[in-house]
Amino acid sequence: MLRLAGFRQKQERMTDLETSMATIIAVFQKYSEREGDKHKLKKSELRDLLHDELPDLMAHVKDQATLDSLMESLDTDGDAECNFQEFMTFVSLVTVCCHEFFEHEDD
């Protein structure tokens, strides 16, 4: 597991949140390192990441146009790639939506 610089280097076990953060970084790097700039996801890398790592979410995407629109909306700087900040915005938004969904289920 990826160890975050400065995060409990001397401890054997990271906290749950630290582990989650390290996992998100590791997943991003796993896909971004496949081709081109290792600090950004190309469209094909992002597509693979979404399909492999979020299969339940992607099962609701019925057409390529929807997926293209999602990818375009992530690309806030217009470089046709998804950097880590753009990726984290997406992860945060999806997480908020999931949290809201489960809050309403508990009512």
PDB file of N, CA and C in Angstrom:
ATOM      1  N   MET A   1       0.849  -1.185   0.000  1.00  0.00           N
ATOM      2  CA  MET A   1       0.000   0.000   0.000  1.00  0.00           C
ATOM      3  C   MET A   1       0.886   1.237   0.000  1.00  0.00           C
ATOM      4  N   LEU A   2       0.478   2.196  -0.764  1.00  0.00           N
ATOM      5  CA  LEU A   2       1.195   3.461  -0.869  1.00  0.00           C
ATOM      6  C   LEU A   2       1.265   4.130   0.496  1.00  0.00           C
ATOM      7  N   ARG A   3       2.429   4.580   0.870  1.00  0.00           N
ATOM      8  CA  ARG A   3       2.589   5.321   2.123  1.00  0.00           C
ATOM      9  C   ARG A   3       2.642   6.804   1.799  1.00  0.00           C
ATOM     10  N   LEU A   4       1.798   7.575   2.418  1.00  0.00           N
ATOM     11  CA  LEU A   4       1.766   9.006   2.187  1.00  0.00           C
ATOM     12  C   LEU A   4       2.891   9.672   2.952  1.00  0.00           C
ATOM     13  N   ALA A   5       3.631  10.527   2.279  1.00  0.00           N
ATOM     14  CA  ALA A   5       4.742  11.246   2.908  1.00  0.00           C
ATOM     15  C   ALA A   5       4.215  12.032   4.102  1.00  0.00           C
ATOM     16  N   GLY A   6       4.851  11.828   5.239  1.00  0.00           N
ATOM     17  CA  GLY A   6       4.458  12.564   6.431  1.00  0.00           C
ATOM     18  C   GLY A   6       3.280  11.972   7.184  1.00  0.00           C
ATOM     19  N   PHE A   7       2.667  10.919   6.659  1.00  0.00           N
ATOM     20  CA  PHE A   7       1.514  10.322   7.321  1.00  0.00           C
ATOM     21  C   PHE A   7       1.948   9.104   8.113  1.00  0.00           C
ATOM     22  N   ARG A   8       2.115   9.269   9.381  1.00  0.00           N
ATOM     23  CA  ARG A   8       2.360   8.159  10.291  1.00  0.00           C
ATOM     24  C   ARG A   8       3.421   7.186   9.784  1.00  0.00           C
ATOM     25  N   GLN A   9       4.524   7.751   9.309  1.00  0.00           N
ATOM     26  CA  GLN A   9       5.614   6.943   8.767  1.00  0.00           C
ATOM     27  C   GLN A   9       6.101   5.890   9.756  1.00  0.00           C
ATOM     28  N   LYS A  10       6.088   6.201  11.034  1.00  0.00           N
ATOM     29  CA  LYS A  10       6.660   5.310  12.036  1.00  0.00           C
ATOM     30  C   LYS A  10       5.640   4.290  12.551  1.00  0.00           C
ATOM     31  N   GLN A  11       4.376   4.515  12.264  1.00  0.00           N
ATOM     32  CA  GLN A  11       3.350   3.588  12.720  1.00  0.00           C
ATOM     33  C   GLN A  11       3.184   2.463  11.715  1.00  0.00           C
ATOM     34  N   GLU A  12       2.812   1.293  12.215  1.00  0.00           N
ATOM     35  CA  GLU A  12       2.592   0.169  11.319  1.00  0.00           C
ATOM     36  C   GLU A  12       1.297   0.315  10.548  1.00  0.00           C
ATOM     37  N   ARG A  13       0.292   0.892  11.143  1.00  0.00           N
ATOM     38  CA  ARG A  13      -1.021   0.932  10.523  1.00  0.00           C
ATOM     39  C   ARG A  13      -1.505   2.367  10.390  1.00  0.00           C
ATOM     40  N   MET A  14      -1.965   2.679   9.198  1.00  0.00           N
ATOM     41  CA  MET A  14      -2.568   3.988   8.981  1.00  0.00           C
ATOM     42  C   MET A  14      -4.021   3.932   9.454  1.00  0.00           C
ATOM     43  N   THR A  15      -4.596   5.088   9.724  1.00  0.00           N
ATOM     44  CA  THR A  15      -6.009   5.154  10.081  1.00  0.00           C
ATOM     45  C   THR A  15      -6.843   4.797   8.851  1.00  0.00           C
ATOM     46  N   ASP A  16      -8.136   4.585   9.056  1.00  0.00           N
ATOM     47  CA  ASP A  16      -9.026   4.264   7.938  1.00  0.00           C
ATOM     48  C   ASP A  16      -9.030   5.382   6.893  1.00  0.00           C
ATOM     49  N   LEU A  17      -9.070   6.625   7.358  1.00  0.00           N
ATOM     50  CA  LEU A  17      -9.101   7.740   6.417  1.00  0.00           C
ATOM     51  C   LEU A  17      -7.784   7.865   5.659  1.00  0.00           C
ATOM     52  N   GLU A  18      -6.670   7.691   6.356  1.00  0.00           N
ATOM     53  CA  GLU A  18      -5.365   7.725   5.682  1.00  0.00           C
ATOM     54  C   GLU A  18      -5.259   6.611   4.643  1.00  0.00           C
ATOM     55  N   THR A  19      -5.751   5.434   4.986  1.00  0.00           N
ATOM     56  CA  THR A  19      -5.746   4.315   4.048  1.00  0.00           C
ATOM     57  C   THR A  19      -6.614   4.627   2.834  1.00  0.00           C
ATOM     58  N   SER A  20      -7.773   5.231   3.070  1.00  0.00           N
ATOM     59  CA  SER A  20      -8.660   5.605   1.966  1.00  0.00           C
ATOM     60  C   SER A  20      -7.994   6.619   1.044  1.00  0.00           C
ATOM     61  N   MET A  21      -7.326   7.599   1.635  1.00  0.00           N
ATOM     62  CA  MET A  21      -6.621   8.606   0.834  1.00  0.00           C
ATOM     63  C   MET A  21      -5.517   7.957   0.009  1.00  0.00           C
ATOM     64  N   ALA A  22      -4.757   7.083   0.633  1.00  0.00           N
ATOM     65  CA  ALA A  22      -3.672   6.399  -0.069  1.00  0.00           C
ATOM     66  C   ALA A  22      -4.217   5.537  -1.200  1.00  0.00           C
ATOM     67  N   THR A  23      -5.360   4.907  -0.976  1.00  0.00           N
ATOM     68  CA  THR A  23      -5.973   4.073  -2.004  1.00  0.00           C
ATOM     69  C   THR A  23      -6.415   4.909  -3.196  1.00  0.00           C
ATOM     70  N   ILE A  24      -7.026   6.051  -2.951  1.00  0.00           N
ATOM     71  CA  ILE A  24      -7.453   6.931  -4.046  1.00  0.00           C
ATOM     72  C   ILE A  24      -6.245   7.360  -4.871  1.00  0.00           C
ATOM     73  N   ILE A  25      -5.178   7.749  -4.200  1.00  0.00           N
ATOM     74  CA  ILE A  25      -3.955   8.153  -4.907  1.00  0.00           C
ATOM     75  C   ILE A  25      -3.399   6.987  -5.715  1.00  0.00           C
ATOM     76  N   ALA A  26      -3.354   5.809  -5.108  1.00  0.00           N
ATOM     77  CA  ALA A  26      -2.813   4.628  -5.791  1.00  0.00           C
ATOM     78  C   ALA A  26      -3.640   4.259  -7.016  1.00  0.00           C
ATOM     79  N   VAL A  27      -4.962   4.350  -6.911  1.00  0.00           N
ATOM     80  CA  VAL A  27      -5.829   4.039  -8.055  1.00  0.00           C
ATOM     81  C   VAL A  27      -5.591   5.040  -9.176  1.00  0.00           C
ATOM     82  N   PHE A  28      -5.522   6.329  -8.841  1.00  0.00           N
ATOM     83  CA  PHE A  28      -5.254   7.345  -9.862  1.00  0.00           C
ATOM     84  C   PHE A  28      -3.934   7.047 -10.564  1.00  0.00           C
ATOM     85  N   GLN A  29      -2.895   6.775  -9.787  1.00  0.00           N
ATOM     86  CA  GLN A  29      -1.569   6.523 -10.365  1.00  0.00           C
ATOM     87  C   GLN A  29      -1.539   5.243 -11.195  1.00  0.00           C
ATOM     88  N   LYS A  30      -2.257   4.235 -10.762  1.00  0.00           N
ATOM     89  CA  LYS A  30      -2.313   2.963 -11.492  1.00  0.00           C
ATOM     90  C   LYS A  30      -2.776   3.184 -12.932  1.00  0.00           C
ATOM     91  N   TYR A  31      -3.743   4.068 -13.118  1.00  0.00           N
ATOM     92  CA  TYR A  31      -4.278   4.315 -14.455  1.00  0.00           C
ATOM     93  C   TYR A  31      -3.522   5.420 -15.187  1.00  0.00           C
ATOM     94  N   SER A  32      -3.085   6.451 -14.468  1.00  0.00           N
ATOM     95  CA  SER A  32      -2.415   7.577 -15.137  1.00  0.00           C
ATOM     96  C   SER A  32      -1.041   7.201 -15.666  1.00  0.00           C
ATOM     97  N   GLU A  33      -0.430   6.181 -15.098  1.00  0.00           N
ATOM     98  CA  GLU A  33       0.916   5.779 -15.521  1.00  0.00           C
ATOM     99  C   GLU A  33       0.921   4.891 -16.758  1.00  0.00           C
ATOM    100  N   ARG A  34      -0.238   4.550 -17.273  1.00  0.00           N
ATOM    101  CA  ARG A  34      -0.307   3.629 -18.409  1.00  0.00           C
ATOM    102  C   ARG A  34       0.251   4.221 -19.697  1.00  0.00           C
ATOM    103  N   GLU A  35       0.005   5.511 -19.925  1.00  0.00           N
ATOM    104  CA  GLU A  35       0.507   6.141 -21.149  1.00  0.00           C
ATOM    105  C   GLU A  35       0.630   7.647 -20.945  1.00  0.00           C
ATOM    106  N   GLY A  36       1.506   8.280 -21.659  1.00  0.00           N
ATOM    107  CA  GLY A  36       1.639   9.733 -21.616  1.00  0.00           C
ATOM    108  C   GLY A  36       2.043  10.276 -20.257  1.00  0.00           C
ATOM    109  N   ASP A  37       1.464  11.423 -19.911  1.00  0.00           N
ATOM    110  CA  ASP A  37       1.755  12.137 -18.668  1.00  0.00           C
ATOM    111  C   ASP A  37       1.256  11.325 -17.474  1.00  0.00           C
ATOM    112  N   LYS A  38       2.169  10.929 -16.588  1.00  0.00           N
ATOM    113  CA  LYS A  38       1.774  10.093 -15.451  1.00  0.00           C
ATOM    114  C   LYS A  38       1.027  10.864 -14.368  1.00  0.00           C
ATOM    115  N   HIS A  39       0.883  12.177 -14.549  1.00  0.00           N
ATOM    116  CA  HIS A  39       0.164  12.993 -13.582  1.00  0.00           C
ATOM    117  C   HIS A  39      -1.242  13.345 -14.054  1.00  0.00           C
ATOM    118  N   LYS A  40      -1.619  12.821 -15.223  1.00  0.00           N
ATOM    119  CA  LYS A  40      -2.943  13.098 -15.779  1.00  0.00           C
ATOM    120  C   LYS A  40      -3.503  11.836 -16.410  1.00  0.00           C
ATOM    121  N   LEU A  41      -4.827  11.759 -16.410  1.00  0.00           N
ATOM    122  CA  LEU A  41      -5.503  10.645 -17.059  1.00  0.00           C
ATOM    123  C   LEU A  41      -5.936  11.061 -18.455  1.00  0.00           C
ATOM    124  N   LYS A  42      -5.526  10.308 -19.451  1.00  0.00           N
ATOM    125  CA  LYS A  42      -6.054  10.496 -20.793  1.00  0.00           C
ATOM    126  C   LYS A  42      -7.482   9.957 -20.789  1.00  0.00           C
ATOM    127  N   LYS A  43      -8.245  10.315 -21.807  1.00  0.00           N
ATOM    128  CA  LYS A  43      -9.638   9.892 -21.894  1.00  0.00           C
ATOM    129  C   LYS A  43      -9.762   8.367 -21.772  1.00  0.00           C
ATOM    130  N   SER A  44      -8.894   7.640 -22.456  1.00  0.00           N
ATOM    131  CA  SER A  44      -8.958   6.167 -22.413  1.00  0.00           C
ATOM    132  C   SER A  44      -8.622   5.638 -21.018  1.00  0.00           C
ATOM    133  N   GLU A  45      -7.670   6.269 -20.343  1.00  0.00           N
ATOM    134  CA  GLU A  45      -7.303   5.854 -18.986  1.00  0.00           C
ATOM    135  C   GLU A  45      -8.450   6.122 -18.012  1.00  0.00           C
ATOM    136  N   LEU A  46      -9.083   7.293 -18.152  1.00  0.00           N
ATOM    137  CA  LEU A  46     -10.207   7.640 -17.290  1.00  0.00           C
ATOM    138  C   LEU A  46     -11.368   6.685 -17.532  1.00  0.00           C
ATOM    139  N   ARG A  47     -11.638   6.371 -18.787  1.00  0.00           N
ATOM    140  CA  ARG A  47     -12.708   5.432 -19.121  1.00  0.00           C
ATOM    141  C   ARG A  47     -12.438   4.071 -18.461  1.00  0.00           C
ATOM    142  N   ASP A  48     -11.204   3.586 -18.574  1.00  0.00           N
ATOM    143  CA  ASP A  48     -10.847   2.305 -17.957  1.00  0.00           C
ATOM    144  C   ASP A  48     -11.000   2.365 -16.440  1.00  0.00           C
ATOM    145  N   LEU A  49     -10.533   3.450 -15.835  1.00  0.00           N
ATOM    146  CA  LEU A  49     -10.640   3.612 -14.384  1.00  0.00           C
ATOM    147  C   LEU A  49     -12.104   3.567 -13.951  1.00  0.00           C
ATOM    148  N   LEU A  50     -12.954   4.326 -14.624  1.00  0.00           N
ATOM    149  CA  LEU A  50     -14.366   4.372 -14.248  1.00  0.00           C
ATOM    150  C   LEU A  50     -15.025   3.008 -14.390  1.00  0.00           C
ATOM    151  N   HIS A  51     -14.750   2.319 -15.497  1.00  0.00           N
ATOM    152  CA  HIS A  51     -15.354   0.999 -15.719  1.00  0.00           C
ATOM    153  C   HIS A  51     -14.829  -0.049 -14.739  1.00  0.00           C
ATOM    154  N   ASP A  52     -13.534  -0.013 -14.448  1.00  0.00           N
ATOM    155  CA  ASP A  52     -12.927  -1.026 -13.577  1.00  0.00           C
ATOM    156  C   ASP A  52     -13.172  -0.764 -12.095  1.00  0.00           C
ATOM    157  N   GLU A  53     -13.120   0.507 -11.694  1.00  0.00           N
ATOM    158  CA  GLU A  53     -13.163   0.849 -10.276  1.00  0.00           C
ATOM    159  C   GLU A  53     -14.546   1.271  -9.783  1.00  0.00           C
ATOM    160  N   LEU A  54     -15.433   1.660 -10.697  1.00  0.00           N
ATOM    161  CA  LEU A  54     -16.800   2.059 -10.328  1.00  0.00           C
ATOM    162  C   LEU A  54     -17.818   1.331 -11.210  1.00  0.00           C
ATOM    163  N   PRO A  55     -17.784   0.001 -11.232  1.00  0.00           N
ATOM    164  CA  PRO A  55     -18.648  -0.734 -12.163  1.00  0.00           C
ATOM    165  C   PRO A  55     -20.142  -0.537 -11.905  1.00  0.00           C
ATOM    166  N   ASP A  56     -20.560  -0.428 -10.649  1.00  0.00           N
ATOM    167  CA  ASP A  56     -21.980  -0.233 -10.364  1.00  0.00           C
ATOM    168  C   ASP A  56     -22.462   1.124 -10.860  1.00  0.00           C
ATOM    169  N   LEU A  57     -21.663   2.146 -10.658  1.00  0.00           N
ATOM    170  CA  LEU A  57     -22.006   3.481 -11.151  1.00  0.00           C
ATOM    171  C   LEU A  57     -22.058   3.493 -12.677  1.00  0.00           C
ATOM    172  N   MET A  58     -21.066   2.886 -13.301  1.00  0.00           N
ATOM    173  CA  MET A  58     -20.990   2.898 -14.762  1.00  0.00           C
ATOM    174  C   MET A  58     -22.082   2.045 -15.406  1.00  0.00           C
ATOM    175  N   ALA A  59     -22.656   1.109 -14.670  1.00  0.00           N
ATOM    176  CA  ALA A  59     -23.757   0.303 -15.200  1.00  0.00           C
ATOM    177  C   ALA A  59     -24.973   1.169 -15.511  1.00  0.00           C
ATOM    178  N   HIS A  60     -25.052   2.340 -14.875  1.00  0.00           N
ATOM    179  CA  HIS A  60     -26.170   3.250 -15.116  1.00  0.00           C
ATOM    180  C   HIS A  60     -25.923   4.190 -16.293  1.00  0.00           C
ATOM    181  N   VAL A  61     -24.708   4.199 -16.811  1.00  0.00           N
ATOM    182  CA  VAL A  61     -24.391   5.025 -17.981  1.00  0.00           C
ATOM    183  C   VAL A  61     -24.716   4.196 -19.213  1.00  0.00           C
ATOM    184  N   LYS A  62     -25.748   4.595 -19.931  1.00  0.00           N
ATOM    185  CA  LYS A  62     -26.260   3.773 -21.026  1.00  0.00           C
ATOM    186  C   LYS A  62     -25.653   4.087 -22.385  1.00  0.00           C
ATOM    187  N   ASP A  63     -25.106   5.277 -22.561  1.00  0.00           N
ATOM    188  CA  ASP A  63     -24.577   5.591 -23.890  1.00  0.00           C
ATOM    189  C   ASP A  63     -23.244   6.327 -23.807  1.00  0.00           C
ATOM    190  N   GLN A  64     -22.522   6.277 -24.898  1.00  0.00           N
ATOM    191  CA  GLN A  64     -21.195   6.892 -24.964  1.00  0.00           C
ATOM    192  C   GLN A  64     -21.268   8.409 -24.794  1.00  0.00           C
ATOM    193  N   ALA A  65     -22.336   9.035 -25.283  1.00  0.00           N
ATOM    194  CA  ALA A  65     -22.474  10.492 -25.178  1.00  0.00           C
ATOM    195  C   ALA A  65     -22.508  10.932 -23.712  1.00  0.00           C
ATOM    196  N   THR A  66     -23.177  10.158 -22.875  1.00  0.00           N
ATOM    197  CA  THR A  66     -23.232  10.478 -21.448  1.00  0.00           C
ATOM    198  C   THR A  66     -21.845  10.396 -20.830  1.00  0.00           C
ATOM    199  N   LEU A  67     -21.114   9.352 -21.183  1.00  0.00           N
ATOM    200  CA  LEU A  67     -19.755   9.182 -20.670  1.00  0.00           C
ATOM    201  C   LEU A  67     -18.843  10.299 -21.167  1.00  0.00           C
ATOM    202  N   ASP A  68     -18.959  10.650 -22.444  1.00  0.00           N
ATOM    203  CA  ASP A  68     -18.161  11.749 -22.997  1.00  0.00           C
ATOM    204  C   ASP A  68     -18.469  13.061 -22.282  1.00  0.00           C
ATOM    205  N   SER A  69     -19.743  13.292 -22.003  1.00  0.00           N
ATOM    206  CA  SER A  69     -20.154  14.511 -21.304  1.00  0.00           C
ATOM    207  C   SER A  69     -19.578  14.544 -19.889  1.00  0.00           C
ATOM    208  N   LEU A  70     -19.595  13.405 -19.217  1.00  0.00           N
ATOM    209  CA  LEU A  70     -19.007  13.315 -17.880  1.00  0.00           C
ATOM    210  C   LEU A  70     -17.528  13.650 -17.930  1.00  0.00           C
ATOM    211  N   MET A  71     -16.822  13.060 -18.867  1.00  0.00           N
ATOM    212  CA  MET A  71     -15.383  13.299 -18.985  1.00  0.00           C
ATOM    213  C   MET A  71     -15.093  14.758 -19.318  1.00  0.00           C
ATOM    214  N   GLU A  72     -15.909  15.337 -20.174  1.00  0.00           N
ATOM    215  CA  GLU A  72     -15.725  16.743 -20.537  1.00  0.00           C
ATOM    216  C   GLU A  72     -15.939  17.648 -19.325  1.00  0.00           C
ATOM    217  N   SER A  73     -16.936  17.332 -18.517  1.00  0.00           N
ATOM    218  CA  SER A  73     -17.222  18.167 -17.347  1.00  0.00           C
ATOM    219  C   SER A  73     -16.109  18.082 -16.300  1.00  0.00           C
ATOM    220  N   LEU A  74     -15.383  16.970 -16.269  1.00  0.00           N
ATOM    221  CA  LEU A  74     -14.259  16.839 -15.335  1.00  0.00           C
ATOM    222  C   LEU A  74     -13.068  17.689 -15.751  1.00  0.00           C
ATOM    223  N   ASP A  75     -12.941  17.937 -17.032  1.00  0.00           N
ATOM    224  CA  ASP A  75     -11.773  18.625 -17.591  1.00  0.00           C
ATOM    225  C   ASP A  75     -11.933  20.138 -17.465  1.00  0.00           C
ATOM    226  N   THR A  76     -11.740  20.656 -16.251  1.00  0.00           N
ATOM    227  CA  THR A  76     -11.988  22.077 -16.001  1.00  0.00           C
ATOM    228  C   THR A  76     -10.959  22.998 -16.640  1.00  0.00           C
ATOM    229  N   ASP A  77      -9.752  22.494 -16.916  1.00  0.00           N
ATOM    230  CA  ASP A  77      -8.737  23.356 -17.527  1.00  0.00           C
ATOM    231  C   ASP A  77      -8.666  23.210 -19.049  1.00  0.00           C
ATOM    232  N   GLY A  78      -9.520  22.363 -19.624  1.00  0.00           N
ATOM    233  CA  GLY A  78      -9.636  22.262 -21.074  1.00  0.00           C
ATOM    234  C   GLY A  78      -8.470  21.619 -21.794  1.00  0.00           C
ATOM    235  N   ASP A  79      -7.670  20.801 -21.099  1.00  0.00           N
ATOM    236  CA  ASP A  79      -6.507  20.194 -21.759  1.00  0.00           C
ATOM    237  C   ASP A  79      -6.789  18.785 -22.296  1.00  0.00           C
ATOM    238  N   ALA A  80      -8.057  18.373 -22.266  1.00  0.00           N
ATOM    239  CA  ALA A  80      -8.497  17.061 -22.762  1.00  0.00           C
ATOM    240  C   ALA A  80      -7.930  15.906 -21.933  1.00  0.00           C
ATOM    241  N   GLU A  81      -7.482  16.205 -20.711  1.00  0.00           N
ATOM    242  CA  GLU A  81      -7.015  15.189 -19.777  1.00  0.00           C
ATOM    243  C   GLU A  81      -7.575  15.522 -18.395  1.00  0.00           C
ATOM    244  N   CYS A  82      -7.507  14.563 -17.496  1.00  0.00           N
ATOM    245  CA  CYS A  82      -8.035  14.737 -16.145  1.00  0.00           C
ATOM    246  C   CYS A  82      -6.883  14.675 -15.151  1.00  0.00           C
ATOM    247  N   ASN A  83      -6.570  15.823 -14.530  1.00  0.00           N
ATOM    248  CA  ASN A  83      -5.502  15.812 -13.528  1.00  0.00           C
ATOM    249  C   ASN A  83      -6.065  15.333 -12.186  1.00  0.00           C
ATOM    250  N   PHE A  84      -5.199  15.213 -11.192  1.00  0.00           N
ATOM    251  CA  PHE A  84      -5.629  14.657  -9.909  1.00  0.00           C
ATOM    252  C   PHE A  84      -6.676  15.534  -9.231  1.00  0.00           C
ATOM    253  N   GLN A  85      -6.529  16.845  -9.321  1.00  0.00           N
ATOM    254  CA  GLN A  85      -7.510  17.739  -8.696  1.00  0.00           C
ATOM    255  C   GLN A  85      -8.882  17.561  -9.342  1.00  0.00           C
ATOM    256  N   GLU A  86      -8.920  17.467 -10.661  1.00  0.00           N
ATOM    257  CA  GLU A  86     -10.187  17.256 -11.365  1.00  0.00           C
ATOM    258  C   GLU A  86     -10.788  15.899 -10.987  1.00  0.00           C
ATOM    259  N   PHE A  87      -9.934  14.898 -10.890  1.00  0.00           N
ATOM    260  CA  PHE A  87     -10.374  13.562 -10.492  1.00  0.00           C
ATOM    261  C   PHE A  87     -10.959  13.587  -9.080  1.00  0.00           C
ATOM    262  N   MET A  88     -10.296  14.284  -8.165  1.00  0.00           N
ATOM    263  CA  MET A  88     -10.778  14.361  -6.783  1.00  0.00           C
ATOM    264  C   MET A  88     -12.101  15.114  -6.688  1.00  0.00           C
ATOM    265  N   THR A  89     -12.296  16.103  -7.534  1.00  0.00           N
ATOM    266  CA  THR A  89     -13.587  16.793  -7.566  1.00  0.00           C
ATOM    267  C   THR A  89     -14.687  15.798  -7.903  1.00  0.00           C
ATOM    268  N   PHE A  90     -14.434  14.962  -8.906  1.00  0.00           N
ATOM    269  CA  PHE A  90     -15.392  13.932  -9.299  1.00  0.00           C
ATOM    270  C   PHE A  90     -15.638  12.948  -8.151  1.00  0.00           C
ATOM    271  N   VAL A  91     -14.574  12.432  -7.546  1.00  0.00           N
ATOM    272  CA  VAL A  91     -14.705  11.468  -6.444  1.00  0.00           C
ATOM    273  C   VAL A  91     -15.497  12.094  -5.293  1.00  0.00           C
ATOM    274  N   SER A  92     -15.211  13.349  -4.986  1.00  0.00           N
ATOM    275  CA  SER A  92     -15.920  14.039  -3.904  1.00  0.00           C
ATOM    276  C   SER A  92     -17.403  14.186  -4.217  1.00  0.00           C
ATOM    277  N   LEU A  93     -17.727  14.584  -5.435  1.00  0.00           N
ATOM    278  CA  LEU A  93     -19.131  14.755  -5.820  1.00  0.00           C
ATOM    279  C   LEU A  93     -19.887  13.431  -5.763  1.00  0.00           C
ATOM    280  N   VAL A  94     -19.286  12.376  -6.266  1.00  0.00           N
ATOM    281  CA  VAL A  94     -19.931  11.061  -6.223  1.00  0.00           C
ATOM    282  C   VAL A  94     -20.114  10.609  -4.774  1.00  0.00           C
ATOM    283  N   THR A  95     -19.124  10.862  -3.937  1.00  0.00           N
ATOM    284  CA  THR A  95     -19.207  10.481  -2.528  1.00  0.00           C
ATOM    285  C   THR A  95     -20.317  11.247  -1.820  1.00  0.00           C
ATOM    286  N   VAL A  96     -20.449  12.534  -2.094  1.00  0.00           N
ATOM    287  CA  VAL A  96     -21.527  13.335  -1.509  1.00  0.00           C
ATOM    288  C   VAL A  96     -22.884  12.787  -1.948  1.00  0.00           C
ATOM    289  N   CYS A  97     -23.025  12.468  -3.221  1.00  0.00           N
ATOM    290  CA  CYS A  97     -24.288  11.909  -3.726  1.00  0.00           C
ATOM    291  C   CYS A  97     -24.617  10.588  -3.040  1.00  0.00           C
ATOM    292  N   CYS A  98     -23.631   9.738  -2.870  1.00  0.00           N
ATOM    293  CA  CYS A  98     -23.841   8.456  -2.183  1.00  0.00           C
ATOM    294  C   CYS A  98     -24.246   8.680  -0.734  1.00  0.00           C
ATOM    295  N   HIS A  99     -23.591   9.616  -0.082  1.00  0.00           N
ATOM    296  CA  HIS A  99     -23.918   9.925   1.315  1.00  0.00           C
ATOM    297  C   HIS A  99     -25.362  10.405   1.428  1.00  0.00           C
ATOM    298  N   GLU A 100     -25.762  11.314   0.543  1.00  0.00           N
ATOM    299  CA  GLU A 100     -27.131  11.834   0.564  1.00  0.00           C
ATOM    300  C   GLU A 100     -28.138  10.719   0.300  1.00  0.00           C
ATOM    301  N   PHE A 101     -27.823   9.824  -0.626  1.00  0.00           N
ATOM    302  CA  PHE A 101     -28.711   8.708  -0.943  1.00  0.00           C
ATOM    303  C   PHE A 101     -28.927   7.837   0.290  1.00  0.00           C
ATOM    304  N   PHE A 102     -27.851   7.484   0.977  1.00  0.00           N
ATOM    305  CA  PHE A 102     -27.969   6.609   2.141  1.00  0.00           C
ATOM    306  C   PHE A 102     -28.578   7.323   3.343  1.00  0.00           C
ATOM    307  N   GLU A 103     -28.424   8.641   3.430  1.00  0.00           N
ATOM    308  CA  GLU A 103     -29.098   9.401   4.487  1.00  0.00           C
ATOM    309  C   GLU A 103     -30.605   9.283   4.331  1.00  0.00           C
ATOM    310  N   HIS A 104     -31.092   9.405   3.085  1.00  0.00           N
ATOM    311  CA  HIS A 104     -32.534   9.333   2.823  1.00  0.00           C
ATOM    312  C   HIS A 104     -33.066   7.921   3.012  1.00  0.00           C
ATOM    313  N   GLU A 105     -32.253   6.915   2.763  1.00  0.00           N
ATOM    314  CA  GLU A 105     -32.679   5.531   2.976  1.00  0.00           C
ATOM    315  C   GLU A 105     -32.883   5.230   4.451  1.00  0.00           C
ATOM    316  N   ASP A 106     -32.119   5.907   5.311  1.00  0.00           N
ATOM    317  CA  ASP A 106     -32.218   5.672   6.753  1.00  0.00           C
ATOM    318  C   ASP A 106     -33.474   6.286   7.360  1.00  0.00           C
ATOM    319  N   ASP A 107     -34.080   7.252   6.659  1.00  0.00           N
ATOM    320  CA  ASP A 107     -35.270   7.946   7.198  1.00  0.00           C
ATOM    321  C   ASP A 107     -36.504   7.075   7.164  1.00  0.00           C
TER     322      ASP A 107
END
